[in-house]
Amino acid sequence: MSYHNPVLLNESVDALDIKKDGVYVDVTFGGGGHSKEILKRLGKNGRLYAFDQDPDAIANKIDDDRFVLIEENFRYISRFLKFYGVKKVDGVLADLGVSSHQFDEAERGFSIRFEGELDMRMNQHSKISAKEVVNDYEEKELADVLFLYGELRNARSIAKTIVEEREKERIETSFQLKQVLKRYLPKAREHKILAQIFQAIRIEVNEELEVLKEFLNQIPGLLNPEGRLSVISYHSLEDRLVKRFIRTGLFSGEPEKDFYGNTNVPLMKVGKLIVPTPQEINVNNRARSAKLRVATLKV
C-alpha cells in the first residue's frame, strides 16, 4: 500500500453490501486498495470496473479477468460503462481527494511540505495547472477561487499580494508561493492556512466540485434497486455536496413537494456517518478528516 494507504477500507467496502455475482465500480482506483478488497468479496461471475485519470495509477492495474480499468475521469462514468455494455450496477465506491502518492511526489506540486513546480493536476495531460491559476488568473477570479474553495476570509488580500508579486517575477514553485504569502502565515497557523490555499488552487485546477456534482447526478440512474453508493470525502465542501445530494437530490435549495406533500428524492441514506477510529488515524494521519456516507436507491 506504499502508493496509497486506503482510508476506511473495510467500512467503505462493507457499505457496498457486495453480492457475489454483482457489478461494482471503484471510481478512484489510485493504488487499487479498495478495488482489491472488492475483488476478494466477488465470486467468479462478479465484475469490477475502476476509473482513474492519473497515468501514474495505471501501473497498479490488477491482473484479474473480472476487472477492467478505465483511464478516464469518473465524471464520465455512465458514458464509459455504456461502452462496456453496462447500464446498471450494484454499487459505486468513491474515495475522493488526493492519493498519498500524489502528495508524496514532490514534482506533482500537491504538497506544502516539498519544493516542487506548481502543478496539482490529477490528470497530467490537462492543460491548466496550478501555475496558470496563480500567474494568469485576474485578481478577482483568483480571490473567488481562494474564498469559495479555500474558505479564506482574507482571500482578496492574498490574491492582491499574489498579483503584485507575480508582476515582479513569475511564481513557478510551491516554495516561491509560500515565500510570497509569508505575511499571511503566522507560525501557529502556517500549516492550516497553506493547506487551505493549496486546496483552493487544486480544486480549481481539477474542477473537483463540478466533477463530483456531475458524478452524483448520474448515480440514481446507474444503481440497481438495493444498489449502494459509498463515498469518502476529506473536506467540508465535498462532504456538504454528498450529504445534501443524498438528503435532497439537489445541491442547493429544497426538493419540490407534490399535492400530497411528498418529495421525489432519488436516494436515501444508509446508517450513520462513519469516521475513522483513533487507531486508524494513528497509523494513517491522512485519515483524520475522512467522512464516509452511504446511500441506496429510494424505493
Protein backbone atom coordinates (compact mmCIF):
# COMPACT_ATOMS: atom_id res chain seq x y z
CA MET A 1 0.00 0.00 0.00
CA SER A 2 3.01 2.34 -0.42
CA TYR A 3 1.32 4.08 -3.39
CA HIS A 4 -1.79 4.90 -1.35
CA ASN A 5 -2.90 3.74 2.07
CA PRO A 6 -6.70 3.32 1.64
CA VAL A 7 -8.79 5.04 4.29
CA LEU A 8 -11.83 3.33 5.87
CA LEU A 9 -11.06 0.31 3.69
CA ASN A 10 -13.30 -2.30 5.30
CA GLU A 11 -16.04 0.16 6.26
CA SER A 12 -16.39 1.58 2.73
CA VAL A 13 -16.40 -1.87 1.09
CA ASP A 14 -18.74 -3.33 3.77
CA ALA A 15 -21.11 -0.46 2.91
CA LEU A 16 -21.48 -1.80 -0.64
CA ASP A 17 -23.11 -4.96 0.75
CA ILE A 18 -21.44 -6.95 -2.04
CA LYS A 19 -23.29 -9.64 -3.94
CA LYS A 20 -21.00 -12.40 -5.25
CA ASP A 21 -22.17 -12.02 -8.86
CA GLY A 22 -22.74 -8.24 -8.73
CA VAL A 23 -21.30 -5.43 -10.84
CA TYR A 24 -19.34 -2.74 -8.97
CA VAL A 25 -17.42 0.43 -9.75
CA ASP A 26 -14.44 1.96 -7.93
CA VAL A 27 -14.27 5.45 -9.42
CA THR A 28 -10.99 6.40 -7.69
CA PHE A 29 -8.68 3.45 -8.33
CA GLY A 30 -5.35 5.00 -7.20
CA GLY A 31 -3.22 2.26 -5.65
CA GLY A 32 -6.02 -0.30 -6.04
CA GLY A 33 -6.56 -0.90 -2.30
CA HIS A 34 -10.35 -0.61 -2.38
CA SER A 35 -10.55 -2.49 -5.69
CA LYS A 36 -8.55 -5.45 -4.33
CA GLU A 37 -10.86 -5.68 -1.33
CA ILE A 38 -13.95 -5.63 -3.57
CA LEU A 39 -12.48 -8.37 -5.80
CA LYS A 40 -11.81 -10.52 -2.72
CA ARG A 41 -15.52 -10.48 -1.97
CA LEU A 42 -16.75 -11.08 -5.53
CA GLY A 43 -17.40 -14.52 -7.00
CA LYS A 44 -16.16 -15.69 -10.40
CA ASN A 45 -19.12 -14.09 -12.19
CA GLY A 46 -18.79 -10.72 -10.42
CA ARG A 47 -17.40 -7.70 -12.24
CA LEU A 48 -15.46 -4.63 -11.12
CA TYR A 49 -14.86 -1.53 -13.24
CA ALA A 50 -12.44 1.11 -11.97
CA PHE A 51 -11.71 4.68 -13.11
CA ASP A 52 -8.51 6.72 -12.78
CA GLN A 53 -7.31 9.60 -14.95
CA ASP A 54 -3.80 9.71 -13.43
CA PRO A 55 -1.27 7.89 -15.66
CA ASP A 56 0.75 7.03 -12.51
CA ALA A 57 -2.15 4.87 -11.25
CA ILE A 58 -2.20 2.74 -14.39
CA ALA A 59 0.94 0.93 -13.20
CA ASN A 60 -1.18 -0.53 -10.35
CA LYS A 61 -3.63 -2.23 -12.72
CA ILE A 62 -4.87 -5.55 -11.31
CA ASP A 63 -4.45 -8.69 -13.39
CA ASP A 64 -7.88 -10.29 -12.95
CA ASP A 65 -10.42 -11.35 -15.59
CA ARG A 66 -13.20 -9.79 -13.52
CA PHE A 67 -11.52 -6.36 -13.54
CA VAL A 68 -11.45 -3.51 -16.06
CA LEU A 69 -9.52 -0.26 -15.51
CA ILE A 70 -10.90 2.73 -17.43
CA GLU A 71 -8.32 5.51 -17.85
CA GLU A 72 -10.76 8.40 -17.60
CA ASN A 73 -12.22 10.94 -15.19
CA PHE A 74 -15.17 9.49 -13.28
CA ARG A 75 -17.34 12.44 -14.33
CA TYR A 76 -17.90 10.30 -17.46
CA ILE A 77 -18.96 7.19 -15.53
CA SER A 78 -22.20 6.45 -17.43
CA ARG A 79 -20.70 7.06 -20.87
CA PHE A 80 -17.77 4.69 -20.38
CA LEU A 81 -19.76 1.98 -18.61
CA LYS A 82 -22.17 2.01 -21.58
CA PHE A 83 -19.17 1.47 -23.86
CA TYR A 84 -18.60 -1.80 -21.94
CA GLY A 85 -22.28 -2.69 -22.19
CA VAL A 86 -23.03 -1.83 -18.55
CA LYS A 87 -26.23 0.12 -17.91
CA LYS A 88 -26.83 -0.68 -14.24
CA VAL A 89 -24.52 -1.54 -11.33
CA ASP A 90 -24.91 -2.89 -7.79
CA GLY A 91 -22.56 -0.48 -6.10
CA VAL A 92 -20.25 2.51 -6.59
CA LEU A 93 -17.35 3.47 -4.32
CA ALA A 94 -15.64 6.88 -4.39
CA ASP A 95 -12.61 7.80 -2.26
CA LEU A 96 -12.35 11.50 -3.11
CA GLY A 97 -9.36 13.81 -2.88
CA VAL A 98 -5.66 13.31 -3.47
CA SER A 99 -3.85 9.98 -3.14
CA SER A 100 -0.85 9.53 -0.85
CA HIS A 101 1.29 9.03 -3.96
CA GLN A 102 0.24 12.37 -5.43
CA PHE A 103 1.01 14.13 -2.14
CA ASP A 104 4.38 12.39 -1.76
CA GLU A 105 5.70 13.04 -5.28
CA ALA A 106 7.29 16.49 -4.97
CA GLU A 107 7.15 17.19 -8.71
CA ARG A 108 3.33 16.82 -8.72
CA GLY A 109 3.12 20.03 -6.66
CA PHE A 110 0.28 18.91 -4.36
CA SER A 111 2.18 19.06 -1.08
CA ILE A 112 3.08 22.06 1.05
CA ARG A 113 5.98 20.04 2.50
CA PHE A 114 8.13 19.75 -0.63
CA GLU A 115 9.67 22.14 -3.11
CA GLY A 116 8.06 21.40 -6.45
CA GLU A 117 6.63 23.05 -9.55
CA LEU A 118 3.13 24.43 -9.12
CA ASP A 119 1.26 21.68 -10.94
CA MET A 120 -1.52 19.92 -8.93
CA ARG A 121 -3.07 18.24 -11.98
CA MET A 122 -4.64 14.86 -11.22
CA ASN A 123 -4.63 14.25 -14.95
CA GLN A 124 -1.13 15.17 -16.10
CA HIS A 125 -2.43 15.73 -19.64
CA SER A 126 -4.73 18.59 -18.54
CA LYS A 127 -3.87 22.00 -19.99
CA ILE A 128 -4.39 24.11 -16.85
CA SER A 129 -2.04 23.59 -13.91
CA ALA A 130 -1.65 25.50 -10.64
CA LYS A 131 0.95 27.65 -12.41
CA GLU A 132 -1.71 29.10 -14.73
CA VAL A 133 -4.15 29.72 -11.87
CA VAL A 134 -1.52 31.57 -9.80
CA ASN A 135 0.10 33.53 -12.64
CA ASP A 136 -2.63 34.13 -15.21
CA TYR A 137 -5.96 34.48 -13.38
CA GLU A 138 -7.35 38.00 -12.92
CA GLU A 139 -7.18 39.26 -9.33
CA LYS A 140 -10.95 38.94 -8.74
CA GLU A 141 -11.03 35.45 -10.28
CA LEU A 142 -8.15 34.37 -8.03
CA ALA A 143 -9.83 35.88 -4.95
CA ASP A 144 -13.05 33.99 -5.77
CA VAL A 145 -11.13 30.69 -6.01
CA LEU A 146 -9.43 31.28 -2.64
CA PHE A 147 -12.67 32.33 -0.95
CA LEU A 148 -15.00 29.67 -2.40
CA TYR A 149 -12.66 26.67 -2.36
CA GLY A 150 -10.26 27.58 0.47
CA GLU A 151 -12.85 29.34 2.64
CA LEU A 152 -10.28 32.06 3.34
CA ARG A 153 -11.73 35.27 4.78
CA ASN A 154 -8.77 37.33 3.59
CA ALA A 155 -8.93 35.90 0.04
CA ARG A 156 -8.92 39.37 -1.56
CA SER A 157 -5.75 40.45 0.25
CA ILE A 158 -3.98 37.18 -0.62
CA ALA A 159 -5.00 37.48 -4.29
CA LYS A 160 -3.82 41.12 -4.40
CA THR A 161 -0.41 40.12 -2.97
CA ILE A 162 -0.02 37.26 -5.48
CA VAL A 163 -0.84 39.60 -8.40
CA GLU A 164 1.63 42.26 -7.17
CA GLU A 165 4.42 39.73 -6.66
CA ARG A 166 3.93 37.84 -9.94
CA GLU A 167 4.43 41.13 -11.82
CA LYS A 168 7.98 41.21 -10.46
CA GLU A 169 8.68 37.53 -11.10
CA ARG A 170 6.53 34.62 -12.30
CA ILE A 171 5.64 32.26 -9.41
CA GLU A 172 6.71 28.79 -10.55
CA THR A 173 7.14 26.65 -7.40
CA SER A 174 5.35 25.83 -4.16
CA PHE A 175 8.14 27.36 -2.05
CA GLN A 176 8.03 30.58 -4.11
CA LEU A 177 4.29 30.82 -3.41
CA LYS A 178 4.91 30.24 0.31
CA GLN A 179 7.55 33.00 0.31
CA VAL A 180 5.20 35.42 -1.44
CA LEU A 181 2.48 34.75 1.15
CA LYS A 182 4.76 34.78 4.21
CA ARG A 183 2.95 37.72 5.85
CA TYR A 184 -0.31 35.71 5.92
CA LEU A 185 1.28 32.69 7.59
CA PRO A 186 1.67 33.15 11.36
CA LYS A 187 3.77 30.34 12.82
CA ALA A 188 0.91 28.83 14.85
CA ARG A 189 -1.41 28.58 11.83
CA GLU A 190 1.01 28.35 8.90
CA HIS A 191 0.23 24.74 8.02
CA LYS A 192 -3.56 25.18 8.18
CA ILE A 193 -3.64 28.36 6.07
CA LEU A 194 -1.26 26.93 3.46
CA ALA A 195 -3.38 23.77 3.27
CA GLN A 196 -6.47 25.94 2.59
CA ILE A 197 -4.64 27.91 -0.14
CA PHE A 198 -3.31 24.75 -1.82
CA GLN A 199 -6.72 23.06 -1.54
CA ALA A 200 -8.40 26.02 -3.25
CA ILE A 201 -5.96 26.05 -6.17
CA ARG A 202 -6.12 22.24 -6.52
CA ILE A 203 -9.93 22.21 -6.61
CA GLU A 204 -9.88 24.87 -9.33
CA VAL A 205 -7.23 23.07 -11.41
CA ASN A 206 -9.10 19.76 -11.33
CA GLU A 207 -12.68 21.14 -11.30
CA GLU A 208 -13.21 18.82 -8.35
CA LEU A 209 -16.57 20.09 -7.16
CA GLU A 210 -18.03 20.20 -10.68
CA VAL A 211 -16.77 16.65 -11.27
CA LEU A 212 -18.37 15.50 -8.02
CA LYS A 213 -21.72 17.08 -8.91
CA GLU A 214 -21.73 15.54 -12.39
CA PHE A 215 -20.87 12.15 -10.90
CA LEU A 216 -23.54 12.26 -8.18
CA ASN A 217 -26.22 13.31 -10.65
CA GLN A 218 -25.62 10.09 -12.61
CA ILE A 219 -25.84 7.72 -9.61
CA PRO A 220 -29.65 7.36 -9.33
CA GLY A 221 -29.83 6.31 -12.98
CA LEU A 222 -26.95 3.84 -12.60
CA LEU A 223 -27.85 1.93 -9.44
CA ASN A 224 -29.92 -1.25 -9.44
CA PRO A 225 -32.67 -1.45 -6.80
CA GLU A 226 -30.87 -2.02 -3.47
CA GLY A 227 -27.63 -0.82 -5.11
CA ARG A 228 -25.29 1.16 -2.85
CA LEU A 229 -23.24 4.34 -3.07
CA SER A 230 -20.24 4.57 -0.71
CA VAL A 231 -18.41 7.94 -0.66
CA ILE A 232 -15.40 9.02 1.40
CA SER A 233 -14.79 12.78 1.48
CA TYR A 234 -11.98 14.78 3.10
CA HIS A 235 -13.14 18.37 3.38
CA SER A 236 -16.37 20.17 4.16
CA LEU A 237 -17.01 21.37 0.59
CA GLU A 238 -17.13 17.80 -0.74
CA ASP A 239 -18.93 16.39 2.26
CA ARG A 240 -21.61 19.09 2.10
CA LEU A 241 -22.38 18.23 -1.54
CA VAL A 242 -22.55 14.49 -0.82
CA LYS A 243 -24.70 14.92 2.29
CA ARG A 244 -27.09 17.34 0.58
CA PHE A 245 -27.46 15.22 -2.56
CA ILE A 246 -28.28 12.11 -0.52
CA ARG A 247 -30.83 14.09 1.51
CA THR A 248 -32.48 16.13 -1.24
CA GLY A 249 -31.22 15.00 -4.66
CA LEU A 250 -30.08 18.61 -5.15
CA PHE A 251 -27.00 20.76 -4.46
CA SER A 252 -28.94 23.87 -3.48
CA GLY A 253 -32.49 24.67 -2.47
CA GLU A 254 -35.07 22.14 -1.31
CA PRO A 255 -36.95 19.50 -3.34
CA GLU A 256 -40.45 20.41 -4.54
CA LYS A 257 -43.40 18.72 -2.87
CA ASP A 258 -46.32 17.28 -4.78
CA PHE A 259 -50.00 17.85 -3.97
CA TYR A 260 -49.76 15.30 -1.13
CA GLY A 261 -46.61 16.82 0.38
CA ASN A 262 -44.28 14.09 -0.94
CA THR A 263 -40.87 14.80 -2.49
CA ASN A 264 -39.22 12.92 -5.32
CA VAL A 265 -35.78 12.36 -3.74
CA PRO A 266 -33.92 9.50 -5.53
CA LEU A 267 -31.59 8.31 -2.74
CA MET A 268 -31.84 7.62 0.97
CA LYS A 269 -29.04 7.35 3.47
CA VAL A 270 -27.94 4.02 4.90
CA GLY A 271 -26.80 4.10 8.54
CA LYS A 272 -24.97 6.98 10.17
CA LEU A 273 -21.90 8.98 9.19
CA ILE A 274 -18.76 6.82 9.61
CA VAL A 275 -15.39 8.29 10.59
CA PRO A 276 -12.01 6.58 11.14
CA THR A 277 -11.13 5.15 14.54
CA PRO A 278 -8.37 6.82 16.59
CA GLN A 279 -6.26 3.70 15.83
CA GLU A 280 -6.57 4.23 12.06
CA ILE A 281 -5.75 7.94 12.37
CA ASN A 282 -2.70 6.99 14.44
CA VAL A 283 -1.46 4.67 11.68
CA ASN A 284 -2.51 6.93 8.77
CA ASN A 285 -2.65 10.64 9.64
CA ARG A 286 -4.35 11.44 6.32
CA ALA A 287 -7.44 9.62 7.58
CA ARG A 288 -8.11 12.28 10.24
CA SER A 289 -10.60 14.32 8.18
CA ALA A 290 -12.28 11.43 6.32
CA LYS A 291 -16.06 11.01 6.39
CA LEU A 292 -17.92 8.07 4.87
CA ARG A 293 -21.54 8.43 3.77
CA VAL A 294 -23.60 5.58 2.36
CA ALA A 295 -26.82 5.70 0.33
CA THR A 296 -29.13 3.44 -1.62
CA LEU A 297 -31.96 3.98 -4.11
CA LYS A 298 -35.22 5.02 -2.52
CA VAL A 299 -37.96 2.53 -3.39
